[in-house]
Amino acid sequence: MSYMTQRHKKPEKIYPLEEANDRLLDIFHNHGFTDYPHEKRQQLAQFYQLLMTRQKTDNFTRLIKFRDIAIKHFIDCLMIPRLTDLQFPLLDIGSGPGFPGIPLKIEFPDERIILAEGVKKRVDFLKVVREEMHLQNLDIVGRNVDENFVLPVQGAITRAVADMSITLRQISKALQVGGVMYFMKGPNVDEELLLTKAQWRPYFELIQDTAYTLPNTQNQRRLICWRKVQEVPQ
């Protein structure tokens, strides 16, 4: 995920692991994730601790309240596999401090996920998370995804704000024919969607456009998925 320049907010309190897990249990129960496993909640709680500890010195997220992190980071990411079938290996483009890649790695521990991030301090943090949480089959690539990025993947996902047409160009070599690009967007993307359709036909086809809200909130989202149907001329 890409982050614009913003005021550095520091957490006033970081909850201990078990308390964070208990708080996640309550929030998940109230927001549509009543059956989320204890072990995975524990991992999310550990990720929360690592993120907030680093937030004291580095400006990684504007969200520092526990409830906001649980809903607008964790549930936001975990909604995606409820709405679509993800294809692996999965590339997280512009992962930032690990969204959506780390929650998805927790959700799919056996699948290969690649986090691509161009800012060194975020890359260093992601490597700490991988080591501290003992996450397997998780690759971290310390560079931005562009037209010269050729690591073959069957899926790619981003929560970044870049225009869809630009991202499709950047992923055009790495994403294999039949692979899917998943965009986690806000609700107001109709114009961007029309322009992307016009620009990328016949190389990418729109296969899903789902408007939704995070459960029991007013937070509106849009999941837009494109399948690569033929190679893009270089």
Protein backbone atom coordinates (compact mmCIF):
# COMPACT_ATOMS: atom_id res chain seq x y z
CA MET A 1 0.00 0.00 0.00
CA SER A 2 1.30 3.47 -0.85
CA TYR A 3 1.39 6.13 1.82
CA MET A 4 1.28 9.88 1.19
CA THR A 5 3.12 12.29 3.46
CA GLN A 6 1.14 12.67 6.67
CA ARG A 7 1.59 13.76 10.25
CA HIS A 8 3.40 11.16 12.32
CA LYS A 9 0.98 9.77 14.90
CA LYS A 10 2.46 7.72 17.73
CA PRO A 11 0.50 5.12 19.71
CA GLU A 12 -0.31 6.12 23.28
CA LYS A 13 -0.53 2.49 24.35
CA ILE A 14 0.39 -0.90 22.91
CA TYR A 15 -1.71 -3.72 24.34
CA PRO A 16 -0.05 -6.93 25.57
CA LEU A 17 -0.48 -9.94 23.30
CA GLU A 18 -3.31 -11.69 25.15
CA GLU A 19 -5.24 -8.47 25.72
CA ALA A 20 -4.85 -7.57 22.06
CA ASN A 21 -6.13 -11.02 21.11
CA ASP A 22 -9.14 -10.62 23.42
CA ARG A 23 -9.92 -7.22 21.96
CA LEU A 24 -9.67 -8.65 18.46
CA LEU A 25 -12.10 -11.39 19.47
CA ASP A 26 -14.69 -8.81 20.55
CA ILE A 27 -14.23 -6.61 17.49
CA PHE A 28 -14.24 -9.52 15.06
CA HIS A 29 -17.38 -10.90 16.73
CA ASN A 30 -19.15 -7.55 16.22
CA HIS A 31 -18.02 -7.17 12.62
CA GLY A 32 -18.80 -10.44 10.93
CA PHE A 33 -15.77 -12.57 11.83
CA THR A 34 -17.16 -14.63 14.70
CA ASP A 35 -15.55 -17.85 13.46
CA TYR A 36 -12.04 -16.47 12.97
CA PRO A 37 -9.57 -18.95 14.54
CA HIS A 38 -7.78 -18.13 17.80
CA GLU A 39 -4.35 -19.00 16.37
CA LYS A 40 -4.75 -16.57 13.48
CA ARG A 41 -6.05 -13.85 15.80
CA GLN A 42 -2.95 -14.39 17.91
CA GLN A 43 -0.80 -13.80 14.85
CA LEU A 44 -2.69 -10.62 13.99
CA ALA A 45 -2.22 -9.44 17.57
CA GLN A 46 1.51 -10.05 17.26
CA PHE A 47 1.59 -8.14 13.97
CA TYR A 48 -0.27 -5.27 15.67
CA GLN A 49 2.40 -5.17 18.39
CA LEU A 50 5.24 -5.14 15.88
CA LEU A 51 3.57 -2.44 13.78
CA MET A 52 2.78 -0.15 16.72
CA THR A 53 6.24 -0.59 18.22
CA ARG A 54 7.76 0.52 14.93
CA GLN A 55 5.20 3.32 14.61
CA LYS A 56 6.84 5.01 17.59
CA THR A 57 9.84 5.87 15.42
CA ASP A 58 8.60 5.55 11.82
CA ASN A 59 5.45 6.90 10.23
CA PHE A 60 3.96 3.73 8.75
CA THR A 61 0.21 4.23 9.25
CA ARG A 62 -2.25 6.98 10.11
CA LEU A 63 -4.26 4.45 12.14
CA ILE A 64 -3.03 4.03 15.71
CA LYS A 65 -6.22 3.25 17.67
CA PHE A 66 -6.67 -0.48 18.18
CA ARG A 67 -10.26 -0.53 16.90
CA ASP A 68 -9.27 1.30 13.72
CA ILE A 69 -6.39 -1.09 13.08
CA ALA A 70 -8.63 -4.10 13.65
CA ILE A 71 -11.36 -2.88 11.28
CA LYS A 72 -9.67 -0.67 8.70
CA HIS A 73 -6.51 -2.73 8.35
CA PHE A 74 -7.20 -6.32 9.39
CA ILE A 75 -10.88 -6.81 8.50
CA ASP A 76 -10.41 -4.66 5.39
CA CYS A 77 -7.77 -7.11 4.15
CA LEU A 78 -9.54 -10.27 5.32
CA MET A 79 -12.73 -9.35 3.48
CA ILE A 80 -11.07 -10.00 0.13
CA PRO A 81 -10.97 -13.84 0.27
CA ARG A 82 -14.63 -13.73 1.33
CA LEU A 83 -15.49 -11.91 -1.88
CA THR A 84 -13.30 -13.64 -4.46
CA ASP A 85 -10.99 -16.59 -5.06
CA LEU A 86 -7.39 -15.47 -4.83
CA GLN A 87 -4.81 -16.98 -7.18
CA PHE A 88 -1.29 -17.84 -6.05
CA PRO A 89 1.57 -17.06 -6.15
CA LEU A 90 0.15 -13.67 -5.12
CA LEU A 91 2.07 -10.40 -5.42
CA ASP A 92 1.23 -7.53 -3.05
CA ILE A 93 2.11 -4.37 -4.98
CA GLY A 94 3.32 -1.51 -2.77
CA SER A 95 2.81 -3.45 0.45
CA GLY A 96 3.88 -0.60 2.74
CA PRO A 97 4.08 -2.08 6.26
CA GLY A 98 2.31 -5.22 5.07
CA PHE A 99 -1.21 -4.52 3.83
CA PRO A 100 -2.88 -6.56 2.57
CA GLY A 101 0.00 -9.04 2.33
CA ILE A 102 0.62 -9.93 5.99
CA PRO A 103 -3.04 -10.55 6.95
CA LEU A 104 -3.41 -12.60 3.76
CA LYS A 105 -0.26 -14.59 4.63
CA ILE A 106 -1.81 -15.35 8.02
CA GLU A 107 -5.02 -16.40 6.27
CA PHE A 108 -3.19 -18.58 3.72
CA PRO A 109 -0.10 -19.92 5.53
CA ASP A 110 0.72 -22.53 2.88
CA GLU A 111 0.46 -20.29 -0.18
CA ARG A 112 3.31 -18.27 -1.66
CA ILE A 113 2.93 -14.51 -1.25
CA ILE A 114 5.39 -11.88 -2.46
CA LEU A 115 5.51 -8.43 -0.86
CA ALA A 116 6.94 -5.73 -3.15
CA GLU A 117 7.89 -2.44 -1.48
CA GLY A 118 10.27 0.26 -2.63
CA VAL A 119 10.96 2.11 0.64
CA LYS A 120 13.88 0.59 2.53
CA LYS A 121 12.64 1.16 6.09
CA ARG A 122 9.37 -0.58 5.23
CA VAL A 123 11.27 -3.44 3.60
CA ASP A 124 13.39 -3.78 6.73
CA PHE A 125 10.24 -3.86 8.86
CA LEU A 126 8.62 -6.53 6.68
CA LYS A 127 11.71 -8.70 7.10
CA VAL A 128 11.49 -8.30 10.88
CA VAL A 129 7.82 -9.32 10.76
CA ARG A 130 8.65 -12.39 8.68
CA GLU A 131 11.37 -13.43 11.12
CA GLU A 132 9.56 -12.65 14.36
CA MET A 133 6.33 -14.31 13.24
CA HIS A 134 8.07 -17.25 11.55
CA LEU A 135 6.12 -16.75 8.33
CA GLN A 136 6.99 -19.32 5.69
CA ASN A 137 6.74 -19.05 1.91
CA LEU A 138 6.77 -15.25 2.14
CA ASP A 139 9.10 -13.39 -0.23
CA ILE A 140 10.01 -9.74 0.24
CA VAL A 141 11.18 -7.78 -2.80
CA GLY A 142 12.81 -4.44 -2.04
CA ARG A 143 11.76 -2.54 -5.15
CA ASN A 144 8.77 -0.95 -6.79
CA VAL A 145 6.76 -2.90 -9.35
CA ASP A 146 7.18 -1.44 -12.83
CA GLU A 147 7.14 -2.61 -16.45
CA ASN A 148 10.50 -4.35 -15.93
CA PHE A 149 9.22 -6.46 -13.04
CA VAL A 150 9.12 -9.98 -14.47
CA LEU A 151 8.71 -12.35 -11.50
CA PRO A 152 5.91 -14.66 -12.73
CA VAL A 153 2.75 -14.66 -10.61
CA GLN A 154 -0.81 -15.90 -11.02
CA GLY A 155 -2.31 -13.14 -8.90
CA ALA A 156 -1.51 -9.58 -7.84
CA ILE A 157 -3.26 -7.34 -5.34
CA THR A 158 -2.95 -3.75 -4.22
CA ARG A 159 -4.54 -1.34 -1.78
CA ALA A 160 -2.52 1.55 -3.19
CA VAL A 161 -4.12 4.64 -4.67
CA ALA A 162 -2.48 4.45 -8.11
CA ASP A 163 -4.74 4.47 -11.16
CA MET A 164 -5.75 0.99 -12.30
CA SER A 165 -4.55 1.54 -15.85
CA ILE A 166 -1.06 2.41 -14.58
CA THR A 167 -0.92 -0.65 -12.34
CA LEU A 168 -2.01 -2.96 -15.16
CA ARG A 169 0.87 -1.63 -17.24
CA GLN A 170 3.29 -2.18 -14.36
CA ILE A 171 2.15 -5.78 -13.82
CA SER A 172 1.81 -6.65 -17.52
CA LYS A 173 4.98 -8.78 -17.70
CA ALA A 174 4.83 -10.46 -14.29
CA LEU A 175 1.16 -11.46 -14.35
CA GLN A 176 0.73 -14.61 -16.41
CA VAL A 177 -2.05 -15.13 -18.95
CA GLY A 178 -5.06 -16.31 -16.96
CA GLY A 179 -3.80 -14.50 -13.85
CA VAL A 180 -5.90 -11.97 -11.96
CA MET A 181 -5.16 -8.44 -10.73
CA TYR A 182 -7.18 -7.51 -7.62
CA PHE A 183 -7.76 -3.84 -6.76
CA MET A 184 -8.96 -2.83 -3.28
CA LYS A 185 -10.61 0.50 -4.03
CA GLY A 186 -12.91 3.09 -2.55
CA PRO A 187 -16.46 3.43 -3.90
CA ASN A 188 -15.97 6.25 -6.42
CA VAL A 189 -14.03 4.67 -9.26
CA ASP A 190 -16.57 4.58 -12.10
CA GLU A 191 -14.67 7.01 -14.36
CA GLU A 192 -11.35 5.28 -13.68
CA LEU A 193 -12.98 1.94 -14.45
CA LEU A 194 -14.34 3.11 -17.81
CA LEU A 195 -10.99 4.55 -18.86
CA THR A 196 -9.18 1.38 -17.84
CA LYS A 197 -11.61 -0.77 -19.82
CA ALA A 198 -11.07 1.33 -22.91
CA GLN A 199 -7.29 1.33 -22.58
CA TRP A 200 -6.72 -2.32 -21.81
CA ARG A 201 -9.21 -4.17 -23.99
CA PRO A 202 -8.42 -6.87 -25.27
CA TYR A 203 -5.48 -7.69 -22.97
CA PHE A 204 -7.36 -7.57 -19.65
CA GLU A 205 -11.02 -8.34 -19.05
CA LEU A 206 -13.08 -7.12 -16.10
CA ILE A 207 -14.28 -10.23 -14.25
CA GLN A 208 -15.56 -8.76 -10.97
CA ASP A 209 -16.78 -5.41 -9.67
CA THR A 210 -18.18 -5.79 -6.16
CA ALA A 211 -19.34 -2.87 -4.01
CA TYR A 212 -19.52 -3.65 -0.30
CA THR A 213 -19.16 -2.19 3.18
CA LEU A 214 -17.00 -3.48 5.99
CA PRO A 215 -19.49 -5.39 8.20
CA ASN A 216 -21.44 -3.20 10.64
CA THR A 217 -19.63 -0.02 9.58
CA GLN A 218 -20.19 2.81 7.13
CA ASN A 219 -16.88 2.13 5.38
CA GLN A 220 -17.63 1.60 1.69
CA ARG A 221 -15.29 -0.36 -0.52
CA ARG A 222 -15.05 -1.69 -4.06
CA LEU A 223 -13.23 -4.84 -5.18
CA ILE A 224 -12.34 -4.76 -8.87
CA CYS A 225 -10.69 -7.74 -10.56
CA TRP A 226 -9.13 -8.02 -14.02
CA ARG A 227 -8.02 -11.22 -15.72
CA LYS A 228 -5.12 -11.12 -18.16
CA VAL A 229 -6.37 -12.80 -21.33
CA GLN A 230 -3.41 -12.29 -23.66
CA GLU A 231 0.13 -11.00 -23.64
CA VAL A 232 0.60 -7.24 -23.81
CA PRO A 233 2.80 -6.01 -26.69
CA GLN A 234 5.99 -4.43 -25.43
